[in-house]
């Protein structure tokens, strides 16, 4: 197991978080925002070690990069996005890049989170369901 994989599985800080305090602030803010906007949300770690938010089933995840945090939506193509926040070209996944804590206040982000958590009838994508609860 690589150091990076071990860090994800143990919940310890990843290099991106240690190297850039701004990214760590965005992650903490995003976790807080998701749990505030979608009460009852649990945070898990999926099969690839990616922190995932679930409410009945997984609805979004985040990945910390060197300079930003990616907030991804499993069925982003099914979400209404009048503010044009979503990026990506995959079959289902879409994401929002967050470069600073102020990005969490973007008009439309809260609504995307609510919509994603409220999607019903979509099958859980393989590997996206959490294996264990974190934090």
C-alpha atoms as a PDB file:
ATOM      1  CA  UNK A   1       0.000   0.000   0.000  1.00  0.00           C
ATOM      2  CA  UNK A   2       1.430   3.378  -0.971  1.00  0.00           C
ATOM      3  CA  UNK A   3       1.803   6.178   1.568  1.00  0.00           C
ATOM      4  CA  UNK A   4      -0.940   8.130  -0.185  1.00  0.00           C
ATOM      5  CA  UNK A   5      -3.384   5.190  -0.029  1.00  0.00           C
ATOM      6  CA  UNK A   6      -2.471   4.525   3.595  1.00  0.00           C
ATOM      7  CA  UNK A   7      -3.133   8.175   4.469  1.00  0.00           C
ATOM      8  CA  UNK A   8      -6.587   8.022   2.908  1.00  0.00           C
ATOM      9  CA  UNK A   9      -7.517   4.813   4.694  1.00  0.00           C
ATOM     10  CA  UNK A  10      -6.310   6.031   8.078  1.00  0.00           C
ATOM     11  CA  UNK A  11      -7.857   9.494   7.747  1.00  0.00           C
ATOM     12  CA  UNK A  12      -4.490  11.210   8.132  1.00  0.00           C
ATOM     13  CA  UNK A  13      -3.726  14.360   6.206  1.00  0.00           C
ATOM     14  CA  UNK A  14      -2.754  13.873   2.572  1.00  0.00           C
ATOM     15  CA  UNK A  15       0.253  15.715   1.078  1.00  0.00           C
ATOM     16  CA  UNK A  16      -2.034  18.217  -0.702  1.00  0.00           C
ATOM     17  CA  UNK A  17      -3.609  19.211   2.597  1.00  0.00           C
ATOM     18  CA  UNK A  18      -0.305  19.451   4.440  1.00  0.00           C
ATOM     19  CA  UNK A  19       1.357  21.487   1.697  1.00  0.00           C
ATOM     20  CA  UNK A  20      -1.403  24.052   1.215  1.00  0.00           C
ATOM     21  CA  UNK A  21      -3.300  25.318   4.281  1.00  0.00           C
ATOM     22  CA  UNK A  22      -5.792  27.084   1.976  1.00  0.00           C
ATOM     23  CA  UNK A  23      -6.833  23.729   0.503  1.00  0.00           C
ATOM     24  CA  UNK A  24      -7.294  22.330   4.010  1.00  0.00           C
ATOM     25  CA  UNK A  25      -9.586  25.264   4.882  1.00  0.00           C
ATOM     26  CA  UNK A  26     -11.656  24.620   1.761  1.00  0.00           C
ATOM     27  CA  UNK A  27     -11.998  20.925   2.657  1.00  0.00           C
ATOM     28  CA  UNK A  28     -13.123  21.734   6.195  1.00  0.00           C
ATOM     29  CA  UNK A  29     -15.560  24.325   4.864  1.00  0.00           C
ATOM     30  CA  UNK A  30     -16.967  21.954   2.245  1.00  0.00           C
ATOM     31  CA  UNK A  31     -17.492  19.177   4.791  1.00  0.00           C
ATOM     32  CA  UNK A  32     -19.294  21.613   7.069  1.00  0.00           C
ATOM     33  CA  UNK A  33     -21.397  23.045   4.223  1.00  0.00           C
ATOM     34  CA  UNK A  34     -22.542  19.633   2.971  1.00  0.00           C
ATOM     35  CA  UNK A  35     -23.583  18.523   6.452  1.00  0.00           C
ATOM     36  CA  UNK A  36     -25.419  21.818   7.011  1.00  0.00           C
ATOM     37  CA  UNK A  37     -27.224  21.882   3.647  1.00  0.00           C
ATOM     38  CA  UNK A  38     -28.080  18.152   3.696  1.00  0.00           C
ATOM     39  CA  UNK A  39     -28.820  17.207   7.314  1.00  0.00           C
ATOM     40  CA  UNK A  40     -28.225  13.559   8.123  1.00  0.00           C
ATOM     41  CA  UNK A  41     -25.341  13.244   5.686  1.00  0.00           C
ATOM     42  CA  UNK A  42     -22.627  10.766   6.566  1.00  0.00           C
ATOM     43  CA  UNK A  43     -19.081  10.890   5.264  1.00  0.00           C
ATOM     44  CA  UNK A  44     -17.531   7.650   4.082  1.00  0.00           C
ATOM     45  CA  UNK A  45     -14.504   6.582   2.069  1.00  0.00           C
ATOM     46  CA  UNK A  46     -15.233   4.802  -1.213  1.00  0.00           C
ATOM     47  CA  UNK A  47     -13.356   1.856  -2.736  1.00  0.00           C
ATOM     48  CA  UNK A  48     -10.695   4.184  -4.182  1.00  0.00           C
ATOM     49  CA  UNK A  49     -10.107   5.993  -0.882  1.00  0.00           C
ATOM     50  CA  UNK A  50     -12.043   9.095  -1.915  1.00  0.00           C
ATOM     51  CA  UNK A  51     -14.103  10.856   0.785  1.00  0.00           C
ATOM     52  CA  UNK A  52     -17.759  10.526  -0.184  1.00  0.00           C
ATOM     53  CA  UNK A  53     -20.949  12.049   1.203  1.00  0.00           C
ATOM     54  CA  UNK A  54     -24.001   9.823   1.524  1.00  0.00           C
ATOM     55  CA  UNK A  55     -27.620  10.266   2.467  1.00  0.00           C
ATOM     56  CA  UNK A  56     -29.144   6.887   1.811  1.00  0.00           C
ATOM     57  CA  UNK A  57     -26.754   6.537  -1.112  1.00  0.00           C
ATOM     58  CA  UNK A  58     -23.615   8.377  -2.268  1.00  0.00           C
ATOM     59  CA  UNK A  59     -24.343  11.744  -3.873  1.00  0.00           C
ATOM     60  CA  UNK A  60     -21.055  13.650  -3.978  1.00  0.00           C
ATOM     61  CA  UNK A  61     -17.371  13.393  -3.124  1.00  0.00           C
ATOM     62  CA  UNK A  62     -14.301  15.583  -2.830  1.00  0.00           C
ATOM     63  CA  UNK A  63     -10.655  15.351  -3.774  1.00  0.00           C
ATOM     64  CA  UNK A  64      -7.939  17.689  -2.557  1.00  0.00           C
ATOM     65  CA  UNK A  65      -5.493  18.799  -5.212  1.00  0.00           C
ATOM     66  CA  UNK A  66      -2.397  20.905  -4.869  1.00  0.00           C
ATOM     67  CA  UNK A  67      -4.218  24.216  -5.453  1.00  0.00           C
ATOM     68  CA  UNK A  68      -7.935  23.416  -5.302  1.00  0.00           C
ATOM     69  CA  UNK A  69     -10.592  21.025  -4.055  1.00  0.00           C
ATOM     70  CA  UNK A  70     -12.785  19.197  -6.520  1.00  0.00           C
ATOM     71  CA  UNK A  71     -16.351  18.643  -5.366  1.00  0.00           C
ATOM     72  CA  UNK A  72     -17.758  15.943  -7.610  1.00  0.00           C
ATOM     73  CA  UNK A  73     -21.325  14.836  -8.189  1.00  0.00           C
ATOM     74  CA  UNK A  74     -21.991  11.203  -9.103  1.00  0.00           C
ATOM     75  CA  UNK A  75     -24.953  12.077 -11.314  1.00  0.00           C
ATOM     76  CA  UNK A  76     -23.991  15.642 -12.155  1.00  0.00           C
ATOM     77  CA  UNK A  77     -25.508  15.376 -15.617  1.00  0.00           C
ATOM     78  CA  UNK A  78     -28.926  15.003 -13.944  1.00  0.00           C
ATOM     79  CA  UNK A  79     -28.629  18.266 -12.001  1.00  0.00           C
ATOM     80  CA  UNK A  80     -30.066  21.621 -13.043  1.00  0.00           C
ATOM     81  CA  UNK A  81     -27.186  24.109 -13.081  1.00  0.00           C
ATOM     82  CA  UNK A  82     -28.423  27.599 -14.029  1.00  0.00           C
ATOM     83  CA  UNK A  83     -25.255  29.177 -12.591  1.00  0.00           C
ATOM     84  CA  UNK A  84     -23.041  27.020 -14.873  1.00  0.00           C
ATOM     85  CA  UNK A  85     -20.828  25.853 -11.982  1.00  0.00           C
ATOM     86  CA  UNK A  86     -20.463  22.254 -13.146  1.00  0.00           C
ATOM     87  CA  UNK A  87     -17.491  21.162 -15.238  1.00  0.00           C
ATOM     88  CA  UNK A  88     -16.635  17.877 -16.919  1.00  0.00           C
ATOM     89  CA  UNK A  89     -17.530  15.818 -19.944  1.00  0.00           C
ATOM     90  CA  UNK A  90     -18.083  12.312 -18.547  1.00  0.00           C
ATOM     91  CA  UNK A  91     -21.196  10.193 -18.973  1.00  0.00           C
ATOM     92  CA  UNK A  92     -22.516  11.016 -15.469  1.00  0.00           C
ATOM     93  CA  UNK A  93     -19.923  12.780 -13.311  1.00  0.00           C
ATOM     94  CA  UNK A  94     -19.601  16.545 -13.058  1.00  0.00           C
ATOM     95  CA  UNK A  95     -17.581  18.646 -10.633  1.00  0.00           C
ATOM     96  CA  UNK A  96     -17.046  22.108  -9.211  1.00  0.00           C
ATOM     97  CA  UNK A  97     -13.507  23.340  -8.528  1.00  0.00           C
ATOM     98  CA  UNK A  98     -13.066  25.290  -5.303  1.00  0.00           C
ATOM     99  CA  UNK A  99      -9.891  27.378  -5.072  1.00  0.00           C
ATOM    100  CA  UNK A 100     -10.692  29.300  -1.873  1.00  0.00           C
ATOM    101  CA  UNK A 101     -13.167  29.245   1.014  1.00  0.00           C
ATOM    102  CA  UNK A 102     -15.075  32.049  -0.738  1.00  0.00           C
ATOM    103  CA  UNK A 103     -15.919  29.555  -3.493  1.00  0.00           C
ATOM    104  CA  UNK A 104     -18.207  27.774  -1.039  1.00  0.00           C
ATOM    105  CA  UNK A 105     -20.466  30.846  -1.144  1.00  0.00           C
ATOM    106  CA  UNK A 106     -21.032  30.658  -4.916  1.00  0.00           C
ATOM    107  CA  UNK A 107     -24.633  31.107  -5.896  1.00  0.00           C
ATOM    108  CA  UNK A 108     -25.975  27.717  -6.890  1.00  0.00           C
ATOM    109  CA  UNK A 109     -23.587  25.426  -4.983  1.00  0.00           C
ATOM    110  CA  UNK A 110     -25.994  24.770  -2.120  1.00  0.00           C
ATOM    111  CA  UNK A 111     -28.758  23.964  -4.582  1.00  0.00           C
ATOM    112  CA  UNK A 112     -26.512  21.502  -6.438  1.00  0.00           C
ATOM    113  CA  UNK A 113     -25.811  19.723  -3.133  1.00  0.00           C
ATOM    114  CA  UNK A 114     -29.537  19.560  -2.282  1.00  0.00           C
ATOM    115  CA  UNK A 115     -30.453  18.269  -5.732  1.00  0.00           C
ATOM    116  CA  UNK A 116     -27.704  15.645  -5.706  1.00  0.00           C
ATOM    117  CA  UNK A 117     -28.780  14.352  -2.283  1.00  0.00           C
ATOM    118  CA  UNK A 118     -32.391  14.237  -3.440  1.00  0.00           C
ATOM    119  CA  UNK A 119     -31.853  12.157  -6.570  1.00  0.00           C
ATOM    120  CA  UNK A 120     -33.860   8.956  -6.209  1.00  0.00           C
ATOM    121  CA  UNK A 121     -33.948   5.835  -8.307  1.00  0.00           C
ATOM    122  CA  UNK A 122     -30.385   6.125  -9.586  1.00  0.00           C
ATOM    123  CA  UNK A 123     -28.268   3.010  -9.011  1.00  0.00           C
ATOM    124  CA  UNK A 124     -25.140   3.434  -6.916  1.00  0.00           C
ATOM    125  CA  UNK A 125     -22.154   3.670  -9.229  1.00  0.00           C
ATOM    126  CA  UNK A 126     -19.732   0.740  -8.804  1.00  0.00           C
ATOM    127  CA  UNK A 127     -17.085   1.511  -6.176  1.00  0.00           C
ATOM    128  CA  UNK A 128     -18.691   4.782  -5.104  1.00  0.00           C
ATOM    129  CA  UNK A 129     -20.397   3.477  -1.988  1.00  0.00           C
ATOM    130  CA  UNK A 130     -18.439   4.028   1.200  1.00  0.00           C
ATOM    131  CA  UNK A 131     -16.702   1.174   2.928  1.00  0.00           C
ATOM    132  CA  UNK A 132     -16.385   2.816   6.305  1.00  0.00           C
ATOM    133  CA  UNK A 133     -17.416   5.980   8.058  1.00  0.00           C
ATOM    134  CA  UNK A 134     -14.758   8.637   8.505  1.00  0.00           C
ATOM    135  CA  UNK A 135     -14.556  11.540  10.902  1.00  0.00           C
END
